[in-house]
Amino acid sequence: MKVVVLGLGYIGLPTAAILASKKFDVLGVDVNETVVEIVKKGKVHVAEPDLEGLVYNAVHSGYLRAKTVPEKADVYILAVPTPFKKNHEPDLRFIESAVDSIAPYLDKENIVILESTSPVGTTEQITQKLQKKRPDLKFPIYKKDNESDIYISHCPERVLPGNILPELIQNKRIIGGMTRQSAIKTSKFYQKFVTGKCLTTDARTAELCKLVENSARDVNIAFANEISIICDKLDINVWDLISLANQHPRVNILQPGPGVGGHCIAVDPWFIVNAAPDEANLIRAARLINNSKPDFVLEKIKQSVKNTGKKISKISIACLGLTFKPDVADLRESPALEIAKKISEMGFKNQYLVDPNIKIMPEYFLKKTSSLVDIDYALKTAEVILLLVHHKEFKKVNLELISNKQVIDTRGIWSNK
């Protein structure tokens, strides 16, 4: 069976490599020529445990190739980005481009799978688009169980960065078919390399399910973030409060932080808001709360500067953590990174950036008074210490080293020691 994977990013490349490791004939397609050349050499451009070795073996065994254009295959997997525009409207141009690129190659009995997280109705839209481009083929009609030459489904990824490879195989998968037959055909394909249960449904339900999963997490985090703001106003230790509240057998409050990042939780809820703006009130409110948390952190920094009794131009600040979550090198939609960027404009004497997972300073900071340093230097030199990400290295800090500093712990890893 030959598989074309369109998009060689955080999901597409691991998916292609896993399929190749199972001896599928896999072609990875990406419009970025640099990415294609990297993969051709058996190397990777995304940081993920064990991925480089898997890609190397897949390429050198001949089961994984990479090109900028697709070719004929049995299965086409669309794993391209789905960002949103400035008004939070979904941006589907990458999906549309991928659909355009595979249309000429489709043949009877092909399976087309949309893995990209998408607004409700996207699978139907790409089906209609393909029907217009290929009137010689019969395409499925949503929930009609009509005879079709092509089988189309939505199967959203549900993996955690830092653990993508095992979760792509072990996690349960939702297979949302345009028709029941599409779902069955697609499920049989996934069962060839996935050990988790494949749950079949219709395309719209699968699309909304992924959005709801991430929105549920966003709402729960927003509750914790709002509680942290309330506790700050009332001079209460939020970490103690949450720990005590969670002793209730039916309460499980999450941990607050400086915001919400990553490509999923910070983006997907807006797809629901866009589709149902008058109904998605709680989801919208959660997004606004989480998006405003960086501003709260910046206000705490200003207060810390006042507490030193010095001018900001005479003070150095250490920003501990830049990634969107601990112990990964992923900067996508990172609130820590955005806070660090805003700090670089505040006029500090020095801004020390500390992140054990980032080896090269992000380009944005190159012309600032910013430098990427190790944790020991930062803690020794800076007057203000801002903890943004709870990397494992930061949990081992000797708190005596910062006892005379202005410390802002947005993650609570030092607050209860």
Protein backbone atom coordinates (compact mmCIF):
# COMPACT_ATOMS: atom_id res chain seq x y z
CA MET A 1 0.00 0.00 0.00
CA LYS A 2 1.36 3.40 -0.98
CA VAL A 3 0.66 6.44 1.21
CA VAL A 4 1.24 10.14 0.48
CA VAL A 5 1.49 12.36 3.56
CA LEU A 6 1.04 16.04 2.80
CA GLY A 7 2.75 18.29 5.34
CA LEU A 8 5.98 17.23 7.03
CA GLY A 9 5.58 19.12 10.28
CA TYR A 10 5.01 18.05 13.88
CA ILE A 11 2.33 15.52 12.89
CA GLY A 12 2.99 14.71 9.25
CA LEU A 13 6.64 13.74 9.58
CA PRO A 14 6.15 11.38 12.57
CA THR A 15 3.13 9.85 10.82
CA ALA A 16 5.12 9.30 7.61
CA ALA A 17 8.03 7.80 9.54
CA ILE A 18 5.81 5.41 11.51
CA LEU A 19 4.05 4.24 8.35
CA ALA A 20 7.42 3.69 6.66
CA SER A 21 8.64 1.72 9.68
CA LYS A 22 5.65 -0.59 9.11
CA LYS A 23 6.87 -1.06 5.53
CA PHE A 24 4.29 1.12 3.80
CA ASP A 25 5.61 2.82 0.67
CA VAL A 26 5.49 6.43 1.89
CA LEU A 27 5.97 9.72 0.08
CA GLY A 28 6.21 12.79 2.31
CA VAL A 29 5.22 16.02 0.59
CA ASP A 30 5.96 19.55 1.73
CA VAL A 31 5.93 22.86 -0.13
CA ASN A 32 9.03 23.93 1.79
CA GLU A 33 11.99 22.76 -0.29
CA THR A 34 14.36 23.08 2.68
CA VAL A 35 12.22 20.68 4.71
CA VAL A 36 12.13 18.20 1.81
CA GLU A 37 15.93 18.29 1.45
CA ILE A 38 16.38 17.74 5.19
CA VAL A 39 14.08 14.70 5.16
CA LYS A 40 15.74 13.29 2.04
CA LYS A 41 18.97 13.10 4.05
CA GLY A 42 17.22 11.18 6.82
CA LYS A 43 17.30 14.17 9.15
CA VAL A 44 14.57 16.13 10.92
CA HIS A 45 13.65 19.79 11.37
CA VAL A 46 11.34 19.30 14.36
CA ALA A 47 12.50 18.29 17.82
CA GLU A 48 10.72 15.16 19.06
CA PRO A 49 12.19 12.24 21.04
CA ASP A 50 13.32 9.29 18.86
CA LEU A 51 12.04 10.90 15.66
CA GLU A 52 15.41 11.45 14.02
CA GLY A 53 16.41 7.80 14.33
CA LEU A 54 13.05 6.66 12.97
CA VAL A 55 13.26 9.02 9.98
CA TYR A 56 16.88 8.03 9.28
CA ASN A 57 16.02 4.34 9.19
CA ALA A 58 12.86 4.95 7.13
CA VAL A 59 14.71 6.96 4.49
CA HIS A 60 17.74 4.70 4.25
CA SER A 61 15.57 1.57 4.06
CA GLY A 62 13.83 3.10 1.03
CA TYR A 63 10.34 3.15 2.55
CA LEU A 64 10.23 6.94 3.01
CA ARG A 65 10.86 9.48 0.28
CA ALA A 66 10.23 13.24 0.20
CA LYS A 67 9.18 15.59 -2.62
CA THR A 68 7.47 18.94 -3.09
CA VAL A 69 4.67 17.44 -5.19
CA PRO A 70 2.49 14.35 -4.66
CA GLU A 71 2.07 11.35 -6.93
CA LYS A 72 -0.37 8.47 -7.36
CA ALA A 73 -1.05 6.50 -4.19
CA ASP A 74 -3.67 4.41 -2.38
CA VAL A 75 -4.04 6.74 0.62
CA TYR A 76 -3.58 10.50 0.96
CA ILE A 77 -3.18 11.99 4.43
CA LEU A 78 -3.52 15.76 4.79
CA ALA A 79 -1.54 16.91 7.84
CA VAL A 80 -1.04 20.59 7.04
CA PRO A 81 -1.34 23.60 9.39
CA THR A 82 -4.70 25.24 10.14
CA PRO A 83 -3.95 28.62 11.76
CA PHE A 84 -6.43 31.43 12.24
CA LYS A 85 -6.43 34.93 10.83
CA LYS A 86 -6.18 38.14 12.88
CA ASN A 87 -9.94 38.17 13.46
CA HIS A 88 -9.75 34.55 14.70
CA GLU A 89 -11.37 33.29 11.50
CA PRO A 90 -9.98 29.89 10.42
CA ASP A 91 -7.35 30.03 7.70
CA LEU A 92 -7.83 26.99 5.44
CA ARG A 93 -5.48 27.96 2.63
CA PHE A 94 -3.02 25.14 3.41
CA ILE A 95 -5.77 22.53 3.32
CA GLU A 96 -7.13 23.96 0.07
CA SER A 97 -3.67 23.93 -1.48
CA ALA A 98 -3.13 20.32 -0.43
CA VAL A 99 -6.48 19.32 -1.93
CA ASP A 100 -5.61 21.05 -5.20
CA SER A 101 -2.29 19.22 -5.33
CA ILE A 102 -3.73 15.69 -4.97
CA ALA A 103 -6.77 16.12 -7.24
CA PRO A 104 -4.98 15.17 -10.50
CA TYR A 105 -3.62 11.94 -8.99
CA LEU A 106 -6.80 10.48 -7.49
CA ASP A 107 -8.03 7.14 -8.74
CA LYS A 108 -10.84 4.75 -7.85
CA GLU A 109 -10.66 3.17 -4.36
CA ASN A 110 -8.35 5.89 -3.03
CA ILE A 111 -8.75 7.01 0.58
CA VAL A 112 -8.36 10.70 1.46
CA ILE A 113 -7.87 11.49 5.15
CA LEU A 114 -7.92 14.97 6.65
CA GLU A 115 -5.90 14.86 9.89
CA SER A 116 -5.50 18.63 10.22
CA THR A 117 -7.62 20.09 13.03
CA SER A 118 -10.44 21.79 11.16
CA PRO A 119 -13.67 23.75 11.58
CA VAL A 120 -16.88 21.75 11.34
CA GLY A 121 -17.78 21.19 7.69
CA THR A 122 -14.22 21.26 6.32
CA THR A 123 -14.27 17.59 5.26
CA GLU A 124 -17.43 18.26 3.29
CA GLN A 125 -15.85 21.33 1.70
CA ILE A 126 -12.79 19.45 0.49
CA THR A 127 -15.02 16.67 -0.85
CA GLN A 128 -17.02 19.20 -2.87
CA LYS A 129 -13.81 20.82 -4.08
CA LEU A 130 -12.45 17.48 -5.27
CA GLN A 131 -15.75 16.63 -6.98
CA LYS A 132 -15.53 19.85 -9.02
CA LYS A 133 -11.95 19.14 -9.98
CA ARG A 134 -12.57 15.49 -10.80
CA PRO A 135 -16.09 15.15 -12.29
CA ASP A 136 -14.98 11.78 -13.73
CA LEU A 137 -15.02 10.27 -10.23
CA LYS A 138 -17.87 9.69 -7.78
CA PHE A 139 -17.32 11.25 -4.35
CA PRO A 140 -19.18 10.51 -1.12
CA ILE A 141 -22.13 12.66 -0.08
CA TYR A 142 -22.26 13.42 3.64
CA LYS A 143 -24.27 10.75 5.50
CA LYS A 144 -25.91 9.46 2.29
CA ASP A 145 -24.06 6.15 1.90
CA ASN A 146 -24.04 6.70 -1.84
CA GLU A 147 -21.84 4.67 -4.14
CA SER A 148 -18.49 6.42 -4.48
CA ASP A 149 -15.11 5.86 -6.07
CA ILE A 150 -13.22 7.77 -3.38
CA TYR A 151 -13.47 7.39 0.42
CA ILE A 152 -13.00 10.54 2.50
CA SER A 153 -12.74 10.88 6.29
CA HIS A 154 -11.58 13.20 9.03
CA CYS A 155 -9.26 11.64 11.61
CA PRO A 156 -7.89 14.30 13.98
CA GLU A 157 -4.55 13.74 15.67
CA ARG A 158 -4.65 13.57 19.48
CA VAL A 159 -1.00 13.51 20.51
CA LEU A 160 1.12 15.26 23.11
CA PRO A 161 4.32 17.01 21.96
CA GLY A 162 7.25 15.23 23.55
CA ASN A 163 5.44 11.88 23.32
CA ILE A 164 4.17 11.96 19.75
CA LEU A 165 5.57 8.68 18.41
CA PRO A 166 4.06 6.31 21.00
CA GLU A 167 0.78 8.25 21.14
CA LEU A 168 0.32 8.14 17.35
CA ILE A 169 0.27 4.36 17.68
CA GLN A 170 -1.33 3.79 21.08
CA ASN A 171 -4.02 6.47 21.36
CA LYS A 172 -7.62 5.81 20.38
CA ARG A 173 -8.48 7.33 17.03
CA ILE A 174 -11.73 8.97 15.93
CA ILE A 175 -12.61 8.14 12.33
CA GLY A 176 -15.22 10.52 10.97
CA GLY A 177 -16.34 9.37 7.55
CA MET A 178 -18.24 11.35 4.95
CA THR A 179 -20.23 8.13 4.75
CA ARG A 180 -20.31 4.94 6.79
CA GLN A 181 -18.34 3.16 4.08
CA SER A 182 -15.67 5.89 4.14
CA ALA A 183 -15.33 5.48 7.89
CA ILE A 184 -15.02 1.70 7.60
CA LYS A 185 -12.40 1.87 4.83
CA THR A 186 -10.40 4.50 6.72
CA SER A 187 -10.62 2.56 9.99
CA LYS A 188 -9.23 -0.58 8.32
CA PHE A 189 -6.26 1.47 7.12
CA TYR A 190 -5.48 2.85 10.60
CA GLN A 191 -5.82 -0.59 12.13
CA LYS A 192 -2.80 -1.64 10.09
CA PHE A 193 -0.47 0.50 12.25
CA VAL A 194 -2.47 1.79 15.24
CA THR A 195 -2.92 -0.33 18.38
CA GLY A 196 -5.46 2.03 19.96
CA LYS A 197 -9.15 1.46 19.28
CA CYS A 198 -10.57 3.13 16.15
CA LEU A 199 -13.94 4.72 16.88
CA THR A 200 -16.06 5.45 13.81
CA THR A 201 -18.50 8.32 13.47
CA ASP A 202 -19.45 10.95 10.88
CA ALA A 203 -17.12 13.69 9.68
CA ARG A 204 -18.83 16.61 11.44
CA THR A 205 -18.83 14.85 14.79
CA ALA A 206 -15.13 14.00 14.44
CA GLU A 207 -14.29 17.59 13.55
CA LEU A 208 -16.18 19.04 16.51
CA CYS A 209 -14.90 16.35 18.88
CA LYS A 210 -11.29 17.46 18.43
CA LEU A 211 -12.26 21.10 18.92
CA VAL A 212 -14.30 20.26 22.02
CA GLU A 213 -11.47 18.22 23.55
CA ASN A 214 -9.09 21.17 23.36
CA SER A 215 -11.75 23.70 24.33
CA ALA A 216 -12.55 21.71 27.47
CA ARG A 217 -8.93 21.93 28.52
CA ASP A 218 -8.83 25.63 27.67
CA VAL A 219 -11.92 26.34 29.79
CA ASN A 220 -10.49 24.42 32.75
CA ILE A 221 -7.16 26.25 32.51
CA ALA A 222 -9.02 29.57 32.28
CA PHE A 223 -10.78 28.78 35.56
CA ALA A 224 -7.43 28.14 37.24
CA ASN A 225 -5.95 31.31 35.74
CA GLU A 226 -8.89 33.40 36.90
CA ILE A 227 -8.62 31.93 40.40
CA SER A 228 -4.92 32.87 40.44
CA ILE A 229 -5.78 36.49 39.63
CA ILE A 230 -8.44 36.55 42.36
CA CYS A 231 -5.98 35.05 44.86
CA ASP A 232 -3.40 37.68 43.99
CA LYS A 233 -5.91 40.42 44.74
CA LEU A 234 -6.91 38.84 48.05
CA ASP A 235 -3.31 38.01 49.08
CA ILE A 236 -3.87 34.24 49.09
CA ASN A 237 -1.38 31.61 47.91
CA VAL A 238 -3.17 30.13 44.90
CA TRP A 239 -1.10 26.93 44.96
CA ASP A 240 -2.12 26.23 48.55
CA LEU A 241 -5.72 27.04 47.72
CA ILE A 242 -5.89 24.69 44.73
CA SER A 243 -4.15 21.91 46.65
CA LEU A 244 -6.72 22.19 49.43
CA ALA A 245 -9.70 22.49 47.08
CA ASN A 246 -8.55 19.39 45.19
CA GLN A 247 -8.86 17.35 48.37
CA HIS A 248 -12.60 17.33 47.64
CA PRO A 249 -13.40 13.98 45.99
CA ARG A 250 -15.17 15.61 43.04
CA VAL A 251 -12.94 18.64 42.45
CA ASN A 252 -9.89 18.68 40.17
CA ILE A 253 -8.73 22.23 39.49
CA LEU A 254 -5.83 22.47 37.05
CA GLN A 255 -2.70 24.54 37.63
CA PRO A 256 -2.57 28.19 36.53
CA GLY A 257 0.23 29.64 34.46
CA PRO A 258 1.26 32.64 32.34
CA GLY A 259 -1.22 31.79 29.58
CA VAL A 260 -1.94 28.94 27.18
CA GLY A 261 0.24 27.92 24.26
CA GLY A 262 0.73 25.25 21.64
CA HIS A 263 -0.90 24.95 18.25
CA CYS A 264 -4.03 23.20 19.58
CA ILE A 265 -5.44 24.60 22.82
CA ALA A 266 -4.64 28.22 21.99
CA VAL A 267 -6.17 27.95 18.50
CA ASP A 268 -8.92 25.33 18.24
CA PRO A 269 -11.53 26.98 20.52
CA TRP A 270 -11.71 29.92 18.11
CA PHE A 271 -12.96 27.53 15.41
CA ILE A 272 -16.01 26.81 17.57
CA VAL A 273 -16.52 30.51 18.38
CA ASN A 274 -16.34 31.32 14.68
CA ALA A 275 -18.89 28.64 13.80
CA ALA A 276 -21.35 29.48 16.60
CA PRO A 277 -20.56 33.04 17.82
CA ASP A 278 -23.86 33.55 19.64
CA GLU A 279 -23.71 30.25 21.48
CA ALA A 280 -20.02 29.80 22.36
CA ASN A 281 -20.00 32.32 25.20
CA LEU A 282 -18.09 30.31 27.80
CA ILE A 283 -15.54 29.13 25.24
CA ARG A 284 -14.92 32.71 24.09
CA ALA A 285 -14.62 33.94 27.68
CA ALA A 286 -12.04 31.24 28.45
CA ARG A 287 -9.97 32.25 25.44
CA LEU A 288 -10.03 35.91 26.49
CA ILE A 289 -9.02 35.05 30.07
CA ASN A 290 -6.10 32.91 28.94
CA ASN A 291 -5.02 35.44 26.34
CA SER A 292 -5.01 38.19 28.98
CA LYS A 293 -2.86 36.29 31.51
CA PRO A 294 0.44 37.50 29.97
CA ASP A 295 -0.67 41.09 30.67
CA PHE A 296 -1.20 40.13 34.31
CA VAL A 297 2.35 38.75 34.43
CA LEU A 298 3.74 41.95 32.91
CA GLU A 299 2.03 43.98 35.63
CA LYS A 300 3.67 41.78 38.26
CA ILE A 301 7.03 42.50 36.63
CA LYS A 302 6.43 46.26 36.84
CA GLN A 303 5.61 45.90 40.54
CA SER A 304 8.80 43.90 41.09
CA VAL A 305 10.83 46.66 39.44
CA LYS A 306 9.28 49.19 41.84
CA ASN A 307 10.17 46.94 44.77
CA THR A 308 13.88 47.10 43.88
CA GLY A 309 13.88 50.88 44.26
CA LYS A 310 15.97 51.18 41.09
CA LYS A 311 15.32 52.50 37.62
CA ILE A 312 14.44 49.77 35.13
CA SER A 313 17.47 50.72 33.01
CA LYS A 314 19.68 49.68 35.94
CA ILE A 315 18.03 46.27 36.43
CA SER A 316 18.60 42.89 34.82
CA ILE A 317 15.79 40.36 34.49
CA ALA A 318 16.03 36.60 33.95
CA CYS A 319 13.26 34.89 31.98
CA LEU A 320 13.26 31.19 32.79
CA GLY A 321 11.59 29.21 30.01
CA LEU A 322 10.51 30.14 26.49
CA THR A 323 8.64 27.07 25.22
CA PHE A 324 4.88 26.56 25.45
CA LYS A 325 5.19 23.56 27.80
CA PRO A 326 7.88 21.95 29.96
CA ASP A 327 10.74 19.80 28.68
CA VAL A 328 10.16 20.32 24.94
CA ALA A 329 11.68 22.67 22.36
CA ASP A 330 8.33 23.75 20.92
CA LEU A 331 7.77 27.53 20.75
CA ARG A 332 4.42 27.50 18.93
CA GLU A 333 1.94 29.99 20.41
CA SER A 334 4.07 30.12 23.55
CA PRO A 335 2.86 32.70 26.11
CA ALA A 336 6.31 32.57 27.71
CA LEU A 337 7.91 33.62 24.44
CA GLU A 338 5.40 36.44 23.95
CA ILE A 339 6.00 37.70 27.49
CA ALA A 340 9.76 37.59 26.91
CA LYS A 341 9.32 39.59 23.70
CA LYS A 342 7.34 42.29 25.52
CA ILE A 343 9.94 42.40 28.30
CA SER A 344 12.63 43.08 25.71
CA GLU A 345 10.83 46.36 24.91
CA MET A 346 10.51 47.50 28.55
CA GLY A 347 13.99 49.00 28.88
CA PHE A 348 15.79 46.57 31.21
CA LYS A 349 19.58 46.83 31.39
CA ASN A 350 19.85 43.15 30.47
CA GLN A 351 17.39 40.41 29.66
CA TYR A 352 18.72 36.92 30.30
CA LEU A 353 16.86 34.14 28.48
CA VAL A 354 17.18 30.68 30.01
CA ASP A 355 15.80 27.54 28.40
CA PRO A 356 17.68 24.23 28.48
CA ASN A 357 15.72 23.02 25.42
CA ILE A 358 16.55 26.01 23.20
CA LYS A 359 20.10 26.09 21.87
CA ILE A 360 19.85 29.09 19.53
CA MET A 361 18.37 32.40 20.65
CA PRO A 362 15.18 33.25 18.71
CA GLU A 363 15.87 35.80 15.99
CA TYR A 364 13.50 38.37 17.53
CA PHE A 365 15.94 39.02 20.40
CA LEU A 366 19.13 39.41 18.36
CA LYS A 367 19.00 43.22 18.27
CA LYS A 368 17.80 43.57 21.86
CA THR A 369 19.70 43.73 25.14
CA SER A 370 18.96 40.01 25.41
CA SER A 371 21.23 37.03 25.70
CA LEU A 372 20.75 33.27 25.99
CA VAL A 373 22.57 32.17 29.14
CA ASP A 374 22.72 29.24 31.55
CA ILE A 375 20.61 29.20 34.68
CA ASP A 376 23.47 29.70 37.13
CA TYR A 377 24.61 32.93 35.47
CA ALA A 378 21.06 34.24 35.24
CA LEU A 379 20.22 33.57 38.89
CA LYS A 380 23.48 35.10 40.06
CA THR A 381 23.30 38.24 37.93
CA ALA A 382 19.64 39.25 37.59
CA GLU A 383 17.72 41.25 40.19
CA VAL A 384 14.32 40.04 38.93
CA ILE A 385 13.71 36.32 38.34
CA LEU A 386 10.68 35.39 36.23
CA LEU A 387 9.79 31.68 36.06
CA LEU A 388 7.61 31.07 32.98
CA VAL A 389 7.95 27.35 32.20
CA HIS A 390 8.38 24.52 34.72
CA HIS A 391 11.25 22.69 33.02
CA LYS A 392 12.67 19.91 35.18
CA GLU A 393 15.98 21.77 35.53
CA PHE A 394 14.24 24.72 37.20
CA LYS A 395 12.66 22.49 39.84
CA LYS A 396 16.15 21.73 41.18
CA VAL A 397 17.10 25.34 41.86
CA ASN A 398 18.59 26.08 45.27
CA LEU A 399 16.15 28.69 46.55
CA GLU A 400 18.84 30.27 48.73
CA LEU A 401 20.36 31.63 45.52
CA ILE A 402 17.26 33.77 44.90
CA SER A 403 16.26 34.58 48.47
CA ASN A 404 17.24 38.24 48.04
CA LYS A 405 15.79 38.61 44.53
CA GLN A 406 12.43 39.75 43.21
CA VAL A 407 10.88 36.42 42.18
CA ILE A 408 7.76 35.92 40.06
CA ASP A 409 6.84 32.24 39.94
CA THR A 410 4.03 31.80 37.41
CA ARG A 411 4.09 28.01 37.77
CA GLY A 412 4.18 27.54 41.51
CA ILE A 413 7.18 25.20 41.56
CA TRP A 414 9.02 27.36 44.12
CA SER A 415 6.04 28.91 45.90
CA ASN A 416 5.40 26.01 48.27
CA LYS A 417 9.00 25.09 49.08
